[in-house]
Amino acid sequence: MQIKAHFEQINTMTKEEIKSSKTGLRFNKGKLRWSLMNYKAMEPMIRVLMMGAEKYDDHNWKKGLDKVEILECLQRHLAALMDGELYDKESGLPHIGHIMCNAMFYSYFMEDEKVPHHIPLQ
């Protein structure tokens, strides 16, 4: 889909217009705008990932996690945060970092349908 948007943008200019442009051209329509992200806000997630790498191994989570368990972990941390608990008692790290990690894990495994749900989501 992104490739199609890219070619549609290119197709709006003739070859002569492209060649005669006085500035360099970039056809970025439809591409991700990473500048919209706040990288500092990702630090709690990175800290949780670092703790996990120390406890298990680098990228251990990529070996496969049950999607329902990911959502259950996310929900536990969300419930604790909503109850006013900012830091996880086990890790000492912010619940928001655990929430972010679990959301990332789930997103990652949504692309990999080989990792099953063990119970149906309703």
N, C-alpha and C. Protein backbone atom coordinates (compact mmCIF):
# COMPACT_ATOMS: atom_id res chain seq x y z
N MET A 1 0.82 -1.19 0.00
CA MET A 1 0.00 0.00 0.00
C MET A 1 0.87 1.26 0.00
N GLN A 2 1.91 1.27 0.83
CA GLN A 2 2.80 2.43 0.88
C GLN A 2 3.54 2.61 -0.43
N ILE A 3 3.90 1.51 -1.07
CA ILE A 3 4.60 1.58 -2.35
C ILE A 3 3.70 2.23 -3.39
N LYS A 4 2.42 1.86 -3.38
CA LYS A 4 1.46 2.43 -4.33
C LYS A 4 1.37 3.95 -4.14
N ALA A 5 1.27 4.41 -2.88
CA ALA A 5 1.21 5.85 -2.61
C ALA A 5 2.47 6.54 -3.09
N HIS A 6 3.62 5.89 -2.92
CA HIS A 6 4.89 6.46 -3.38
C HIS A 6 4.88 6.64 -4.89
N PHE A 7 4.45 5.62 -5.61
CA PHE A 7 4.44 5.72 -7.07
C PHE A 7 3.39 6.69 -7.57
N GLU A 8 2.26 6.80 -6.86
CA GLU A 8 1.25 7.79 -7.23
C GLU A 8 1.81 9.20 -7.11
N GLN A 9 2.62 9.45 -6.08
CA GLN A 9 3.23 10.76 -5.89
C GLN A 9 4.22 11.04 -7.01
N ILE A 10 5.03 10.05 -7.37
CA ILE A 10 5.99 10.21 -8.45
C ILE A 10 5.26 10.48 -9.76
N ASN A 11 4.15 9.78 -9.98
CA ASN A 11 3.42 9.91 -11.23
C ASN A 11 2.77 11.26 -11.42
N THR A 12 2.72 12.10 -10.39
CA THR A 12 2.14 13.42 -10.55
C THR A 12 3.14 14.38 -11.18
N MET A 13 4.39 14.00 -11.29
CA MET A 13 5.42 14.84 -11.90
C MET A 13 5.92 14.18 -13.18
N THR A 14 6.15 15.01 -14.17
CA THR A 14 6.73 14.47 -15.40
C THR A 14 8.22 14.26 -15.20
N LYS A 15 8.82 13.49 -16.06
CA LYS A 15 10.26 13.24 -16.01
C LYS A 15 11.02 14.57 -16.13
N GLU A 16 10.53 15.45 -16.95
CA GLU A 16 11.17 16.76 -17.14
C GLU A 16 11.09 17.59 -15.86
N GLU A 17 9.93 17.55 -15.17
CA GLU A 17 9.79 18.29 -13.92
C GLU A 17 10.74 17.76 -12.86
N ILE A 18 10.88 16.45 -12.81
CA ILE A 18 11.80 15.84 -11.84
C ILE A 18 13.23 16.26 -12.15
N LYS A 19 13.63 16.17 -13.40
CA LYS A 19 15.01 16.52 -13.80
C LYS A 19 15.29 18.00 -13.61
N SER A 20 14.30 18.86 -13.83
CA SER A 20 14.54 20.30 -13.76
C SER A 20 14.36 20.89 -12.37
N SER A 21 14.01 20.08 -11.40
CA SER A 21 13.82 20.58 -10.05
C SER A 21 15.12 21.19 -9.53
N LYS A 22 15.01 22.37 -8.91
CA LYS A 22 16.19 23.06 -8.38
C LYS A 22 16.62 22.51 -7.02
N THR A 23 15.76 21.73 -6.41
CA THR A 23 16.10 21.11 -5.12
C THR A 23 15.97 19.59 -5.25
N GLY A 24 16.62 18.90 -4.33
CA GLY A 24 16.48 17.45 -4.30
C GLY A 24 15.05 17.08 -3.95
N LEU A 25 14.57 16.03 -4.51
CA LEU A 25 13.20 15.60 -4.26
C LEU A 25 13.17 14.38 -3.36
N ARG A 26 12.17 14.33 -2.52
CA ARG A 26 11.91 13.17 -1.67
C ARG A 26 10.42 12.89 -1.78
N PHE A 27 10.06 11.68 -2.13
CA PHE A 27 8.66 11.31 -2.23
C PHE A 27 8.29 10.50 -0.99
N ASN A 28 7.81 11.20 0.05
CA ASN A 28 7.55 10.58 1.35
C ASN A 28 6.08 10.42 1.69
N LYS A 29 5.21 10.74 0.75
CA LYS A 29 3.78 10.60 1.03
C LYS A 29 3.46 9.15 1.38
N GLY A 30 2.73 8.96 2.47
CA GLY A 30 2.33 7.63 2.89
C GLY A 30 3.36 6.88 3.72
N LYS A 31 4.53 7.47 3.92
CA LYS A 31 5.57 6.81 4.72
C LYS A 31 5.42 7.21 6.18
N LEU A 32 5.93 6.37 7.05
CA LEU A 32 5.86 6.65 8.49
C LEU A 32 6.60 7.94 8.82
N ARG A 33 6.01 8.74 9.70
CA ARG A 33 6.62 10.00 10.14
C ARG A 33 7.18 9.81 11.55
N TRP A 34 8.38 9.26 11.63
CA TRP A 34 9.01 8.95 12.90
C TRP A 34 9.26 10.19 13.74
N SER A 35 9.28 11.36 13.14
CA SER A 35 9.51 12.59 13.90
C SER A 35 8.33 12.91 14.83
N LEU A 36 7.21 12.25 14.65
CA LEU A 36 6.06 12.49 15.53
C LEU A 36 6.21 11.78 16.87
N MET A 37 7.17 10.88 16.96
CA MET A 37 7.35 10.09 18.18
C MET A 37 8.26 10.81 19.17
N ASN A 38 7.96 10.62 20.45
CA ASN A 38 8.81 11.15 21.50
C ASN A 38 9.66 10.00 22.03
N TYR A 39 10.94 10.02 21.73
CA TYR A 39 11.82 8.92 22.11
C TYR A 39 12.08 8.86 23.61
N LYS A 40 12.09 10.00 24.27
CA LYS A 40 12.28 10.03 25.73
C LYS A 40 11.15 9.25 26.42
N ALA A 41 9.95 9.33 25.86
CA ALA A 41 8.80 8.63 26.44
C ALA A 41 8.95 7.11 26.33
N MET A 42 9.87 6.63 25.51
CA MET A 42 10.09 5.20 25.35
C MET A 42 11.02 4.62 26.42
N GLU A 43 11.66 5.49 27.20
CA GLU A 43 12.64 5.02 28.19
C GLU A 43 12.09 4.01 29.20
N PRO A 44 10.86 4.20 29.73
CA PRO A 44 10.36 3.17 30.66
C PRO A 44 10.28 1.78 30.00
N MET A 45 9.89 1.74 28.73
CA MET A 45 9.83 0.46 28.02
C MET A 45 11.23 -0.11 27.84
N ILE A 46 12.18 0.71 27.49
CA ILE A 46 13.56 0.26 27.28
C ILE A 46 14.12 -0.29 28.59
N ARG A 47 13.82 0.36 29.71
CA ARG A 47 14.30 -0.13 31.01
C ARG A 47 13.72 -1.51 31.33
N VAL A 48 12.45 -1.72 31.02
CA VAL A 48 11.83 -3.04 31.24
C VAL A 48 12.48 -4.07 30.31
N LEU A 49 12.74 -3.71 29.07
CA LEU A 49 13.42 -4.62 28.14
C LEU A 49 14.82 -4.97 28.64
N MET A 50 15.52 -3.99 29.19
CA MET A 50 16.86 -4.24 29.73
C MET A 50 16.80 -5.19 30.92
N MET A 51 15.80 -4.99 31.78
CA MET A 51 15.63 -5.89 32.92
C MET A 51 15.35 -7.31 32.43
N GLY A 52 14.48 -7.44 31.42
CA GLY A 52 14.17 -8.74 30.86
C GLY A 52 15.39 -9.40 30.22
N ALA A 53 16.22 -8.60 29.56
CA ALA A 53 17.44 -9.14 28.94
C ALA A 53 18.40 -9.66 30.01
N GLU A 54 18.45 -8.95 31.14
CA GLU A 54 19.31 -9.38 32.23
C GLU A 54 18.76 -10.64 32.90
N LYS A 55 17.45 -10.69 33.09
CA LYS A 55 16.81 -11.80 33.77
C LYS A 55 16.78 -13.07 32.91
N TYR A 56 16.52 -12.90 31.60
CA TYR A 56 16.38 -14.04 30.69
C TYR A 56 17.52 -14.05 29.68
N ASP A 57 17.41 -13.21 28.65
CA ASP A 57 18.41 -13.10 27.60
C ASP A 57 17.96 -11.99 26.66
N ASP A 58 18.89 -11.41 25.92
CA ASP A 58 18.53 -10.41 24.92
C ASP A 58 17.51 -11.01 23.95
N HIS A 59 16.47 -10.29 23.69
CA HIS A 59 15.46 -10.69 22.71
C HIS A 59 14.76 -12.00 23.06
N ASN A 60 14.79 -12.41 24.31
CA ASN A 60 14.12 -13.64 24.74
C ASN A 60 12.65 -13.64 24.32
N TRP A 61 12.01 -12.49 24.41
CA TRP A 61 10.58 -12.40 24.11
C TRP A 61 10.28 -12.75 22.65
N LYS A 62 11.26 -12.59 21.77
CA LYS A 62 11.03 -12.88 20.35
C LYS A 62 10.94 -14.38 20.07
N LYS A 63 11.30 -15.19 21.06
CA LYS A 63 11.22 -16.65 20.89
C LYS A 63 9.78 -17.12 20.86
N GLY A 64 8.88 -16.28 21.30
CA GLY A 64 7.47 -16.62 21.27
C GLY A 64 6.83 -16.50 22.63
N LEU A 65 5.74 -15.80 22.71
CA LEU A 65 4.96 -15.64 23.93
C LEU A 65 3.50 -15.85 23.58
N ASP A 66 2.76 -16.41 24.50
CA ASP A 66 1.33 -16.60 24.30
C ASP A 66 0.65 -15.23 24.25
N LYS A 67 -0.14 -14.99 23.23
CA LYS A 67 -0.78 -13.68 23.07
C LYS A 67 -1.75 -13.36 24.20
N VAL A 68 -2.46 -14.34 24.69
CA VAL A 68 -3.39 -14.09 25.79
C VAL A 68 -2.62 -13.73 27.06
N GLU A 69 -1.53 -14.43 27.31
CA GLU A 69 -0.70 -14.09 28.49
C GLU A 69 -0.15 -12.67 28.37
N ILE A 70 0.23 -12.28 27.17
CA ILE A 70 0.72 -10.90 26.96
C ILE A 70 -0.37 -9.92 27.36
N LEU A 71 -1.59 -10.16 26.89
CA LEU A 71 -2.70 -9.25 27.21
C LEU A 71 -3.04 -9.27 28.69
N GLU A 72 -2.95 -10.44 29.31
CA GLU A 72 -3.20 -10.53 30.75
C GLU A 72 -2.16 -9.74 31.54
N CYS A 73 -0.89 -9.86 31.15
CA CYS A 73 0.17 -9.08 31.82
C CYS A 73 -0.06 -7.59 31.62
N LEU A 74 -0.39 -7.21 30.41
CA LEU A 74 -0.67 -5.80 30.12
C LEU A 74 -1.81 -5.31 31.01
N GLN A 75 -2.85 -6.10 31.10
CA GLN A 75 -4.02 -5.70 31.89
C GLN A 75 -3.70 -5.59 33.38
N ARG A 76 -2.89 -6.51 33.90
CA ARG A 76 -2.50 -6.43 35.32
C ARG A 76 -1.76 -5.14 35.61
N HIS A 77 -0.83 -4.79 34.74
CA HIS A 77 -0.08 -3.55 34.94
C HIS A 77 -0.98 -2.33 34.76
N LEU A 78 -1.89 -2.40 33.81
CA LEU A 78 -2.82 -1.29 33.60
C LEU A 78 -3.73 -1.11 34.81
N ALA A 79 -4.25 -2.22 35.34
CA ALA A 79 -5.12 -2.15 36.52
C ALA A 79 -4.37 -1.56 37.72
N ALA A 80 -3.12 -1.98 37.91
CA ALA A 80 -2.33 -1.44 39.03
C ALA A 80 -2.11 0.06 38.84
N LEU A 81 -1.81 0.45 37.62
CA LEU A 81 -1.60 1.88 37.34
C LEU A 81 -2.89 2.67 37.57
N MET A 82 -4.00 2.12 37.13
CA MET A 82 -5.28 2.81 37.32
C MET A 82 -5.68 2.89 38.78
N ASP A 83 -5.17 1.94 39.59
CA ASP A 83 -5.42 1.97 41.03
C ASP A 83 -4.46 2.91 41.76
N GLY A 84 -3.60 3.60 41.00
CA GLY A 84 -2.70 4.59 41.59
C GLY A 84 -1.31 4.08 41.91
N GLU A 85 -1.01 2.85 41.58
CA GLU A 85 0.32 2.28 41.82
C GLU A 85 1.20 2.60 40.61
N LEU A 86 2.19 3.44 40.79
CA LEU A 86 3.03 3.85 39.67
C LEU A 86 4.13 2.85 39.34
N TYR A 87 4.64 2.16 40.37
CA TYR A 87 5.78 1.26 40.18
C TYR A 87 5.41 -0.18 40.49
N ASP A 88 5.89 -1.08 39.67
CA ASP A 88 5.69 -2.51 39.86
C ASP A 88 6.48 -2.97 41.09
N LYS A 89 5.83 -3.69 41.97
CA LYS A 89 6.48 -4.14 43.21
C LYS A 89 7.60 -5.14 42.95
N GLU A 90 7.45 -5.99 41.95
CA GLU A 90 8.47 -7.01 41.65
C GLU A 90 9.73 -6.42 41.04
N SER A 91 9.55 -5.57 40.03
CA SER A 91 10.72 -5.05 39.29
C SER A 91 11.19 -3.70 39.81
N GLY A 92 10.30 -2.95 40.45
CA GLY A 92 10.62 -1.59 40.87
C GLY A 92 10.56 -0.59 39.74
N LEU A 93 10.16 -1.05 38.57
CA LEU A 93 10.09 -0.18 37.38
C LEU A 93 8.66 0.31 37.19
N PRO A 94 8.49 1.42 36.48
CA PRO A 94 7.14 1.96 36.26
C PRO A 94 6.22 0.98 35.52
N HIS A 95 4.99 0.90 35.99
CA HIS A 95 4.00 0.05 35.31
C HIS A 95 3.86 0.44 33.84
N ILE A 96 3.97 1.73 33.55
CA ILE A 96 3.80 2.17 32.16
C ILE A 96 4.82 1.49 31.24
N GLY A 97 6.03 1.25 31.72
CA GLY A 97 7.04 0.56 30.93
C GLY A 97 6.63 -0.87 30.62
N HIS A 98 6.04 -1.54 31.61
CA HIS A 98 5.56 -2.91 31.40
C HIS A 98 4.38 -2.92 30.43
N ILE A 99 3.50 -1.93 30.56
CA ILE A 99 2.36 -1.82 29.64
C ILE A 99 2.86 -1.63 28.22
N MET A 100 3.83 -0.73 28.05
CA MET A 100 4.38 -0.45 26.73
C MET A 100 5.04 -1.69 26.14
N CYS A 101 5.80 -2.42 26.96
CA CYS A 101 6.46 -3.64 26.48
C CYS A 101 5.43 -4.66 26.01
N ASN A 102 4.42 -4.89 26.84
CA ASN A 102 3.42 -5.87 26.47
C ASN A 102 2.65 -5.46 25.22
N ALA A 103 2.39 -4.18 25.06
CA ALA A 103 1.74 -3.71 23.84
C ALA A 103 2.65 -3.95 22.63
N MET A 104 3.94 -3.70 22.80
CA MET A 104 4.88 -3.96 21.70
C MET A 104 4.95 -5.45 21.39
N PHE A 105 5.03 -6.28 22.43
CA PHE A 105 5.08 -7.73 22.22
C PHE A 105 3.85 -8.18 21.43
N TYR A 106 2.68 -7.73 21.85
CA TYR A 106 1.45 -8.14 21.18
C TYR A 106 1.45 -7.70 19.72
N SER A 107 1.86 -6.47 19.49
CA SER A 107 1.94 -5.95 18.12
C SER A 107 2.89 -6.79 17.28
N TYR A 108 4.03 -7.13 17.85
CA TYR A 108 5.03 -7.95 17.15
C TYR A 108 4.44 -9.31 16.77
N PHE A 109 3.76 -9.95 17.71
CA PHE A 109 3.22 -11.27 17.45
C PHE A 109 1.95 -11.26 16.62
N MET A 110 1.30 -10.13 16.50
CA MET A 110 0.14 -10.03 15.59
C MET A 110 0.58 -10.27 14.16
N GLU A 111 1.83 -9.96 13.86
CA GLU A 111 2.37 -10.18 12.53
C GLU A 111 2.73 -11.65 12.32
N ASP A 112 2.83 -12.41 13.40
CA ASP A 112 3.27 -13.80 13.34
C ASP A 112 2.13 -14.71 13.81
N GLU A 113 1.32 -15.13 12.90
CA GLU A 113 0.14 -15.93 13.26
C GLU A 113 0.50 -17.34 13.71
N LYS A 114 1.80 -17.70 13.71
CA LYS A 114 2.21 -19.01 14.20
C LYS A 114 2.11 -19.07 15.72
N VAL A 115 2.10 -17.93 16.37
CA VAL A 115 1.98 -17.89 17.83
C VAL A 115 0.49 -17.88 18.17
N PRO A 116 -0.02 -18.99 18.71
CA PRO A 116 -1.48 -19.12 18.89
C PRO A 116 -2.01 -18.42 20.13
N HIS A 117 -3.29 -18.14 20.09
CA HIS A 117 -4.03 -17.79 21.30
C HIS A 117 -4.40 -19.13 21.94
N HIS A 118 -4.14 -19.30 23.22
CA HIS A 118 -4.49 -20.56 23.86
C HIS A 118 -5.95 -20.59 24.31
N ILE A 119 -6.53 -19.41 24.49
CA ILE A 119 -7.97 -19.36 24.75
C ILE A 119 -8.54 -18.33 23.81
N PRO A 120 -9.76 -18.50 23.36
CA PRO A 120 -10.31 -17.54 22.39
C PRO A 120 -10.55 -16.18 23.05
N LEU A 121 -10.22 -15.14 22.30
CA LEU A 121 -10.53 -13.78 22.76
C LEU A 121 -11.97 -13.48 22.38
N GLN A 122 -12.70 -12.83 23.28
CA GLN A 122 -14.10 -12.51 22.99
C GLN A 122 -14.27 -11.05 22.81
